Amino acid sequence: MTFCIGIKTKDGIVGLSDTRITSGNDTTTSKKVYTVNRRKHSFFIMTSGLRSVRDKAITYFGELIEKNDSSYDKLYKAVNGFADQVKRVAEEDMASLESSGFSFNLFSIIGGQLEEDKEPKLYLLYPQGNWIEIRQGTPFVIIGNTGFGNPVLRRSLKYDEPLLLALKSAFLAFDATRISSNDVDYPIDTVVLENDSYNIVENRFEQHELNHLSEIWNESLKEAIHNLPAEVLEKAFSRKEFVKSE
């Protein structure tokens, strides 16, 4: 399984992905983020699904970028270009994969800003090649292991928040998923794209660099629970007397 998240805010986009690859009983580490940084032309692709499908689609798309990059002046056009490569891989490999018991399930988060985009854009691409744009109402999207990080994000994250808070929320969503699932783990890769910068800043973090944040968060949660004014819940400890009716 995988954990990848993209968040769109008023100031730009942040993304975060784990790097664990699980195949049977074997686990390895591999990058799940593909980035393109050119003049007034920056975007990233994060993927969840079969690694072989991902690598083949990215390879095809890399060749397409080399030949037709100048024709992509808005991000949705690049998204369509990648979608075409995903569909190409499906035509080539889906039948054989499914006959072997595997699902063709490549989900992708694509974020960036191209020359004619008024602001950075964020998209979720489905395995079938169709996509949706992530907007202000729910300004984040998770692929892979989606359940455990949602509560943190829905309680903490709004479109108007600064990028650093968005990145903190993304980390806490990852941390909740990591604790709850043994197939999501460090190291993590982050991407940050500020409005009109046309430059994706990419970094990798190891567990020892971020352990203190997990510990602070754990202690803060415990303290908040202890300090929660919940006198009304004390009724749960009171024995209720029942009057026997005649």
C-alpha atoms as a PDB file:
ATOM      1  CA  MET A   1       0.000   0.000   0.000  1.00  0.00           C
ATOM      2  CA  THR A   2       0.967   3.645  -0.329  1.00  0.00           C
ATOM      3  CA  PHE A   3       0.330   7.006   1.274  1.00  0.00           C
ATOM      4  CA  CYS A   4       0.425  10.048  -1.013  1.00  0.00           C
ATOM      5  CA  ILE A   5      -1.260  13.360  -0.321  1.00  0.00           C
ATOM      6  CA  GLY A   6      -1.623  16.627  -2.220  1.00  0.00           C
ATOM      7  CA  ILE A   7      -2.929  19.832  -0.630  1.00  0.00           C
ATOM      8  CA  LYS A   8      -3.936  23.046  -2.390  1.00  0.00           C
ATOM      9  CA  THR A   9      -3.947  26.319  -0.433  1.00  0.00           C
ATOM     10  CA  LYS A  10      -4.216  30.008  -1.242  1.00  0.00           C
ATOM     11  CA  ASP A  11      -0.397  30.155  -1.331  1.00  0.00           C
ATOM     12  CA  GLY A  12       0.351  27.096  -3.448  1.00  0.00           C
ATOM     13  CA  ILE A  13       0.532  23.312  -3.245  1.00  0.00           C
ATOM     14  CA  VAL A  14       2.284  20.827  -0.966  1.00  0.00           C
ATOM     15  CA  GLY A  15       2.613  17.101  -1.487  1.00  0.00           C
ATOM     16  CA  LEU A  16       3.952  14.255   0.622  1.00  0.00           C
ATOM     17  CA  SER A  17       4.490  10.567  -0.084  1.00  0.00           C
ATOM     18  CA  ASP A  18       5.932   7.588   1.693  1.00  0.00           C
ATOM     19  CA  THR A  19       8.500   5.400  -0.052  1.00  0.00           C
ATOM     20  CA  ARG A  20       7.718   1.869   1.129  1.00  0.00           C
ATOM     21  CA  ILE A  21       7.225  -0.762  -1.556  1.00  0.00           C
ATOM     22  CA  THR A  22       5.716  -4.075  -0.421  1.00  0.00           C
ATOM     23  CA  SER A  23       5.864  -7.211  -2.556  1.00  0.00           C
ATOM     24  CA  GLY A  24       4.744 -10.315  -0.698  1.00  0.00           C
ATOM     25  CA  ASN A  25       6.969 -10.520   2.377  1.00  0.00           C
ATOM     26  CA  ASP A  26       9.616  -8.231   0.887  1.00  0.00           C
ATOM     27  CA  THR A  27       9.797  -4.487   1.551  1.00  0.00           C
ATOM     28  CA  THR A  28      11.985  -1.978  -0.241  1.00  0.00           C
ATOM     29  CA  THR A  29      12.236   1.789  -0.567  1.00  0.00           C
ATOM     30  CA  SER A  30      11.518   3.618  -3.804  1.00  0.00           C
ATOM     31  CA  LYS A  31      10.577   7.118  -4.843  1.00  0.00           C
ATOM     32  CA  LYS A  32       6.913   7.675  -5.754  1.00  0.00           C
ATOM     33  CA  VAL A  33       7.219  11.272  -6.952  1.00  0.00           C
ATOM     34  CA  TYR A  34       8.109  12.316 -10.505  1.00  0.00           C
ATOM     35  CA  THR A  35       8.885  16.022 -10.991  1.00  0.00           C
ATOM     36  CA  VAL A  36       9.369  18.369 -13.930  1.00  0.00           C
ATOM     37  CA  ASN A  37      10.985  21.772 -13.349  1.00  0.00           C
ATOM     38  CA  ARG A  38      11.425  24.053 -16.330  1.00  0.00           C
ATOM     39  CA  ARG A  39      11.054  27.756 -17.012  1.00  0.00           C
ATOM     40  CA  LYS A  40       7.471  28.744 -16.117  1.00  0.00           C
ATOM     41  CA  HIS A  41       6.654  25.055 -16.194  1.00  0.00           C
ATOM     42  CA  SER A  42       6.641  22.917 -13.039  1.00  0.00           C
ATOM     43  CA  PHE A  43       4.582  19.916 -11.971  1.00  0.00           C
ATOM     44  CA  PHE A  44       4.777  16.626 -10.083  1.00  0.00           C
ATOM     45  CA  ILE A  45       3.103  13.226 -10.305  1.00  0.00           C
ATOM     46  CA  MET A  46       2.597  10.967  -7.266  1.00  0.00           C
ATOM     47  CA  THR A  47       1.234   7.463  -7.816  1.00  0.00           C
ATOM     48  CA  SER A  48      -0.377   4.587  -5.958  1.00  0.00           C
ATOM     49  CA  GLY A  49      -0.806   1.151  -7.498  1.00  0.00           C
ATOM     50  CA  LEU A  50       1.217  -1.552  -9.176  1.00  0.00           C
ATOM     51  CA  ARG A  51       4.828  -0.432  -9.453  1.00  0.00           C
ATOM     52  CA  SER A  52       5.263  -2.014 -12.884  1.00  0.00           C
ATOM     53  CA  VAL A  53       2.286  -0.061 -14.232  1.00  0.00           C
ATOM     54  CA  ARG A  54       3.583   3.154 -12.674  1.00  0.00           C
ATOM     55  CA  ASP A  55       7.093   2.770 -14.061  1.00  0.00           C
ATOM     56  CA  LYS A  56       5.873   1.965 -17.555  1.00  0.00           C
ATOM     57  CA  ALA A  57       3.415   4.890 -17.653  1.00  0.00           C
ATOM     58  CA  ILE A  58       6.058   7.314 -16.315  1.00  0.00           C
ATOM     59  CA  THR A  59       8.588   6.067 -18.888  1.00  0.00           C
ATOM     60  CA  TYR A  60       6.129   6.594 -21.732  1.00  0.00           C
ATOM     61  CA  PHE A  61       5.195  10.008 -20.374  1.00  0.00           C
ATOM     62  CA  GLY A  62       8.858  11.021 -20.031  1.00  0.00           C
ATOM     63  CA  GLU A  63       9.327  10.338 -23.736  1.00  0.00           C
ATOM     64  CA  LEU A  64       6.196  12.332 -24.499  1.00  0.00           C
ATOM     65  CA  ILE A  65       7.481  15.266 -22.452  1.00  0.00           C
ATOM     66  CA  GLU A  66      10.748  15.286 -24.366  1.00  0.00           C
ATOM     67  CA  LYS A  67       8.910  15.492 -27.685  1.00  0.00           C
ATOM     68  CA  ASN A  68       5.848  17.625 -26.861  1.00  0.00           C
ATOM     69  CA  ASP A  69       6.647  19.544 -23.697  1.00  0.00           C
ATOM     70  CA  SER A  70       6.224  22.947 -25.340  1.00  0.00           C
ATOM     71  CA  SER A  71       2.624  22.111 -26.259  1.00  0.00           C
ATOM     72  CA  TYR A  72       1.664  21.890 -22.576  1.00  0.00           C
ATOM     73  CA  ASP A  73       0.845  25.445 -21.505  1.00  0.00           C
ATOM     74  CA  LYS A  74      -1.819  24.459 -18.943  1.00  0.00           C
ATOM     75  CA  LEU A  75      -1.570  21.669 -16.409  1.00  0.00           C
ATOM     76  CA  TYR A  76      -4.751  19.901 -17.489  1.00  0.00           C
ATOM     77  CA  LYS A  77      -3.111  19.265 -20.871  1.00  0.00           C
ATOM     78  CA  ALA A  78      -0.198  17.511 -19.176  1.00  0.00           C
ATOM     79  CA  VAL A  79      -2.707  15.545 -17.084  1.00  0.00           C
ATOM     80  CA  ASN A  80      -4.447  14.449 -20.284  1.00  0.00           C
ATOM     81  CA  GLY A  81      -1.059  13.482 -21.722  1.00  0.00           C
ATOM     82  CA  PHE A  82      -0.250  11.287 -18.733  1.00  0.00           C
ATOM     83  CA  ALA A  83      -3.777   9.841 -18.779  1.00  0.00           C
ATOM     84  CA  ASP A  84      -3.201   8.752 -22.378  1.00  0.00           C
ATOM     85  CA  GLN A  85      -0.088   6.871 -21.305  1.00  0.00           C
ATOM     86  CA  VAL A  86      -1.943   5.177 -18.435  1.00  0.00           C
ATOM     87  CA  LYS A  87      -4.606   4.054 -20.918  1.00  0.00           C
ATOM     88  CA  ARG A  88      -1.860   2.863 -23.268  1.00  0.00           C
ATOM     89  CA  VAL A  89      -0.384   0.693 -20.504  1.00  0.00           C
ATOM     90  CA  ALA A  90      -3.877  -0.609 -19.711  1.00  0.00           C
ATOM     91  CA  GLU A  91      -4.339  -1.701 -23.317  1.00  0.00           C
ATOM     92  CA  GLU A  92      -0.980  -3.469 -23.253  1.00  0.00           C
ATOM     93  CA  ASP A  93      -0.996  -5.055 -19.803  1.00  0.00           C
ATOM     94  CA  MET A  94      -4.433  -5.084 -18.156  1.00  0.00           C
ATOM     95  CA  ALA A  95      -5.589  -8.445 -19.522  1.00  0.00           C
ATOM     96  CA  SER A  96      -2.412 -10.284 -18.537  1.00  0.00           C
ATOM     97  CA  LEU A  97      -2.333  -8.639 -15.094  1.00  0.00           C
ATOM     98  CA  GLU A  98      -5.939  -9.515 -14.341  1.00  0.00           C
ATOM     99  CA  SER A  99      -5.479 -13.084 -15.571  1.00  0.00           C
ATOM    100  CA  SER A 100      -2.663 -13.347 -12.994  1.00  0.00           C
ATOM    101  CA  GLY A 101      -4.875 -12.013 -10.200  1.00  0.00           C
ATOM    102  CA  PHE A 102      -3.668  -8.402 -10.154  1.00  0.00           C
ATOM    103  CA  SER A 103      -5.833  -5.286 -10.466  1.00  0.00           C
ATOM    104  CA  PHE A 104      -4.948  -2.444 -12.790  1.00  0.00           C
ATOM    105  CA  ASN A 105      -5.242   0.274 -10.165  1.00  0.00           C
ATOM    106  CA  LEU A 106      -2.895   3.186 -10.829  1.00  0.00           C
ATOM    107  CA  PHE A 107      -4.183   6.321  -9.094  1.00  0.00           C
ATOM    108  CA  SER A 108      -2.225   9.564  -9.494  1.00  0.00           C
ATOM    109  CA  ILE A 109      -2.045  12.988  -7.875  1.00  0.00           C
ATOM    110  CA  ILE A 110      -0.790  15.632 -10.290  1.00  0.00           C
ATOM    111  CA  GLY A 111      -0.036  19.159  -9.142  1.00  0.00           C
ATOM    112  CA  GLY A 112       1.758  22.125 -10.633  1.00  0.00           C
ATOM    113  CA  GLN A 113       1.589  25.354 -12.555  1.00  0.00           C
ATOM    114  CA  LEU A 114       2.274  25.848 -16.238  1.00  0.00           C
ATOM    115  CA  GLU A 115       2.715  29.119 -18.096  1.00  0.00           C
ATOM    116  CA  GLU A 116      -0.967  29.798 -18.832  1.00  0.00           C
ATOM    117  CA  ASP A 117      -2.295  28.628 -15.454  1.00  0.00           C
ATOM    118  CA  LYS A 118      -3.377  31.569 -13.297  1.00  0.00           C
ATOM    119  CA  GLU A 119      -2.485  29.597 -10.167  1.00  0.00           C
ATOM    120  CA  PRO A 120      -1.159  26.139  -9.243  1.00  0.00           C
ATOM    121  CA  LYS A 121      -3.605  23.324  -9.983  1.00  0.00           C
ATOM    122  CA  LEU A 122      -4.130  19.949  -8.330  1.00  0.00           C
ATOM    123  CA  TYR A 123      -5.771  16.892  -9.932  1.00  0.00           C
ATOM    124  CA  LEU A 124      -6.688  13.330  -9.045  1.00  0.00           C
ATOM    125  CA  LEU A 125      -6.311  10.961 -11.998  1.00  0.00           C
ATOM    126  CA  TYR A 126      -8.192   7.650 -11.938  1.00  0.00           C
ATOM    127  CA  PRO A 127      -6.929   4.385 -13.492  1.00  0.00           C
ATOM    128  CA  GLN A 128      -9.497   4.731 -16.280  1.00  0.00           C
ATOM    129  CA  GLY A 129      -7.870   8.007 -17.395  1.00  0.00           C
ATOM    130  CA  ASN A 130     -10.556  10.420 -16.174  1.00  0.00           C
ATOM    131  CA  TRP A 131      -9.742  13.082 -13.608  1.00  0.00           C
ATOM    132  CA  ILE A 132     -11.159  15.618 -11.159  1.00  0.00           C
ATOM    133  CA  GLU A 133      -9.699  18.938 -10.021  1.00  0.00           C
ATOM    134  CA  ILE A 134      -9.118  19.463  -6.290  1.00  0.00           C
ATOM    135  CA  ARG A 135     -10.640  22.786  -5.249  1.00  0.00           C
ATOM    136  CA  GLN A 136     -11.207  24.977  -2.196  1.00  0.00           C
ATOM    137  CA  GLY A 137     -14.132  23.063  -0.683  1.00  0.00           C
ATOM    138  CA  THR A 138     -12.040  19.983   0.111  1.00  0.00           C
ATOM    139  CA  PRO A 139      -8.497  21.174  -0.612  1.00  0.00           C
ATOM    140  CA  PHE A 140      -6.694  17.842  -0.273  1.00  0.00           C
ATOM    141  CA  VAL A 141      -6.602  14.401  -1.829  1.00  0.00           C
ATOM    142  CA  ILE A 142      -5.059  11.130  -0.592  1.00  0.00           C
ATOM    143  CA  ILE A 143      -4.318   8.025  -2.630  1.00  0.00           C
ATOM    144  CA  GLY A 144      -3.304   4.619  -1.352  1.00  0.00           C
ATOM    145  CA  ASN A 145      -4.131   4.136   2.305  1.00  0.00           C
ATOM    146  CA  THR A 146      -6.752   6.847   2.623  1.00  0.00           C
ATOM    147  CA  GLY A 147      -8.664   6.215   5.840  1.00  0.00           C
ATOM    148  CA  PHE A 148      -6.425   6.977   8.801  1.00  0.00           C
ATOM    149  CA  GLY A 149      -5.250  10.467   7.802  1.00  0.00           C
ATOM    150  CA  ASN A 150      -8.637  11.927   6.932  1.00  0.00           C
ATOM    151  CA  PRO A 151      -9.756  12.911  10.482  1.00  0.00           C
ATOM    152  CA  VAL A 152      -6.659  15.051  11.068  1.00  0.00           C
ATOM    153  CA  LEU A 153      -7.076  16.860   7.765  1.00  0.00           C
ATOM    154  CA  ARG A 154     -10.796  17.482   8.043  1.00  0.00           C
ATOM    155  CA  ARG A 155     -10.342  18.990  11.499  1.00  0.00           C
ATOM    156  CA  SER A 156      -7.235  21.077  10.841  1.00  0.00           C
ATOM    157  CA  LEU A 157      -7.064  22.068   7.201  1.00  0.00           C
ATOM    158  CA  LYS A 158      -8.679  24.947   5.334  1.00  0.00           C
ATOM    159  CA  TYR A 159      -7.866  26.458   1.960  1.00  0.00           C
ATOM    160  CA  ASP A 160      -6.800  29.759   3.559  1.00  0.00           C
ATOM    161  CA  GLU A 161      -4.134  28.201   5.772  1.00  0.00           C
ATOM    162  CA  PRO A 162      -0.426  28.882   5.065  1.00  0.00           C
ATOM    163  CA  LEU A 163       1.701  26.280   3.309  1.00  0.00           C
ATOM    164  CA  LEU A 164       3.627  25.366   6.471  1.00  0.00           C
ATOM    165  CA  LEU A 165       0.432  24.451   8.290  1.00  0.00           C
ATOM    166  CA  ALA A 166      -0.651  22.412   5.272  1.00  0.00           C
ATOM    167  CA  LEU A 167       2.667  20.547   5.371  1.00  0.00           C
ATOM    168  CA  LYS A 168       2.297  19.925   9.123  1.00  0.00           C
ATOM    169  CA  SER A 169      -1.191  18.531   8.512  1.00  0.00           C
ATOM    170  CA  ALA A 170       0.122  16.326   5.707  1.00  0.00           C
ATOM    171  CA  PHE A 171       2.825  14.966   8.015  1.00  0.00           C
ATOM    172  CA  LEU A 172       0.330  14.242  10.806  1.00  0.00           C
ATOM    173  CA  ALA A 173      -1.935  12.447   8.334  1.00  0.00           C
ATOM    174  CA  PHE A 174       1.041  10.341   7.232  1.00  0.00           C
ATOM    175  CA  ASP A 175       2.022   9.697  10.862  1.00  0.00           C
ATOM    176  CA  ALA A 176      -1.477   8.493  11.738  1.00  0.00           C
ATOM    177  CA  THR A 177      -1.399   6.171   8.727  1.00  0.00           C
ATOM    178  CA  ARG A 178       2.088   4.880   9.523  1.00  0.00           C
ATOM    179  CA  ILE A 179       1.100   4.024  13.091  1.00  0.00           C
ATOM    180  CA  SER A 180      -2.056   2.244  11.928  1.00  0.00           C
ATOM    181  CA  SER A 181      -0.663   0.400   8.892  1.00  0.00           C
ATOM    182  CA  ASN A 182       2.502  -1.652   8.508  1.00  0.00           C
ATOM    183  CA  ASP A 183       2.780  -1.015   4.755  1.00  0.00           C
ATOM    184  CA  VAL A 184       3.319   2.772   4.986  1.00  0.00           C
ATOM    185  CA  ASP A 185       6.623   4.038   6.346  1.00  0.00           C
ATOM    186  CA  TYR A 186       9.645   6.335   6.168  1.00  0.00           C
ATOM    187  CA  PRO A 187      11.489   7.890   4.512  1.00  0.00           C
ATOM    188  CA  ILE A 188       9.045  10.445   3.136  1.00  0.00           C
ATOM    189  CA  ASP A 189       9.373  12.771   0.153  1.00  0.00           C
ATOM    190  CA  THR A 190       7.881  16.267   0.101  1.00  0.00           C
ATOM    191  CA  VAL A 191       7.188  18.703  -2.717  1.00  0.00           C
ATOM    192  CA  VAL A 192       6.313  22.372  -2.283  1.00  0.00           C
ATOM    193  CA  LEU A 193       5.203  24.731  -5.053  1.00  0.00           C
ATOM    194  CA  GLU A 194       4.494  28.350  -4.172  1.00  0.00           C
ATOM    195  CA  ASN A 195       2.227  30.473  -6.351  1.00  0.00           C
ATOM    196  CA  ASP A 196       3.927  31.741  -9.522  1.00  0.00           C
ATOM    197  CA  SER A 197       7.329  30.387  -8.481  1.00  0.00           C
ATOM    198  CA  TYR A 198       7.411  27.714 -11.230  1.00  0.00           C
ATOM    199  CA  ASN A 199       9.862  25.804  -9.076  1.00  0.00           C
ATOM    200  CA  ILE A 200       9.012  22.646  -7.149  1.00  0.00           C
ATOM    201  CA  VAL A 201      11.174  22.282  -4.047  1.00  0.00           C
ATOM    202  CA  GLU A 202      11.708  18.601  -3.314  1.00  0.00           C
ATOM    203  CA  ASN A 203      13.119  17.070  -0.118  1.00  0.00           C
ATOM    204  CA  ARG A 204      13.426  13.721   1.644  1.00  0.00           C
ATOM    205  CA  PHE A 205      13.059  13.193   5.403  1.00  0.00           C
ATOM    206  CA  GLU A 206      14.229  10.217   7.455  1.00  0.00           C
ATOM    207  CA  GLN A 207      12.413   9.043  10.575  1.00  0.00           C
ATOM    208  CA  HIS A 208      15.043  10.344  13.008  1.00  0.00           C
ATOM    209  CA  GLU A 209      14.520  13.878  11.672  1.00  0.00           C
ATOM    210  CA  LEU A 210      10.793  13.901  12.453  1.00  0.00           C
ATOM    211  CA  ASN A 211      10.394  11.625  15.487  1.00  0.00           C
ATOM    212  CA  HIS A 212      10.194  14.605  17.823  1.00  0.00           C
ATOM    213  CA  LEU A 213       7.147  15.905  15.946  1.00  0.00           C
ATOM    214  CA  SER A 214       5.339  12.598  16.475  1.00  0.00           C
ATOM    215  CA  GLU A 215       6.212  12.660  20.172  1.00  0.00           C
ATOM    216  CA  ILE A 216       5.023  16.255  20.621  1.00  0.00           C
ATOM    217  CA  TRP A 217       1.788  15.435  18.810  1.00  0.00           C
ATOM    218  CA  ASN A 218       1.189  12.358  20.995  1.00  0.00           C
ATOM    219  CA  GLU A 219       1.740  14.322  24.202  1.00  0.00           C
ATOM    220  CA  SER A 220      -0.445  17.185  22.983  1.00  0.00           C
ATOM    221  CA  LEU A 221      -3.292  14.770  22.253  1.00  0.00           C
ATOM    222  CA  LYS A 222      -3.015  13.186  25.691  1.00  0.00           C
ATOM    223  CA  GLU A 223      -3.016  16.591  27.378  1.00  0.00           C
ATOM    224  CA  ALA A 224      -6.001  17.755  25.345  1.00  0.00           C
ATOM    225  CA  ILE A 225      -7.951  14.624  26.322  1.00  0.00           C
ATOM    226  CA  HIS A 226      -7.115  15.119  29.997  1.00  0.00           C
ATOM    227  CA  ASN A 227      -8.180  18.776  29.844  1.00  0.00           C
ATOM    228  CA  LEU A 228     -11.370  18.159  27.897  1.00  0.00           C
ATOM    229  CA  PRO A 229     -14.326  19.551  29.925  1.00  0.00           C
ATOM    230  CA  ALA A 230     -16.581  16.518  29.863  1.00  0.00           C
ATOM    231  CA  GLU A 231     -18.610  16.602  33.072  1.00  0.00           C
ATOM    232  CA  VAL A 232     -21.636  15.452  31.129  1.00  0.00           C
ATOM    233  CA  LEU A 233     -19.863  12.143  30.482  1.00  0.00           C
ATOM    234  CA  GLU A 234     -19.629  11.456  34.225  1.00  0.00           C
ATOM    235  CA  LYS A 235     -23.210  10.262  34.027  1.00  0.00           C
ATOM    236  CA  ALA A 236     -21.822   7.160  32.323  1.00  0.00           C
ATOM    237  CA  PHE A 237     -20.355   6.079  35.684  1.00  0.00           C
ATOM    238  CA  SER A 238     -23.558   6.570  37.701  1.00  0.00           C
ATOM    239  CA  ARG A 239     -25.688   3.543  38.404  1.00  0.00           C
ATOM    240  CA  LYS A 240     -29.207   4.146  37.218  1.00  0.00           C
ATOM    241  CA  GLU A 241     -31.949   3.004  39.557  1.00  0.00           C
ATOM    242  CA  PHE A 242     -34.857   1.324  37.827  1.00  0.00           C
ATOM    243  CA  VAL A 243     -38.296   1.472  39.388  1.00  0.00           C
ATOM    244  CA  LYS A 244     -40.132  -1.794  39.056  1.00  0.00           C
ATOM    245  CA  SER A 245     -43.556  -1.292  37.634  1.00  0.00           C
ATOM    246  CA  GLU A 246     -46.486  -3.123  39.165  1.00  0.00           C
END
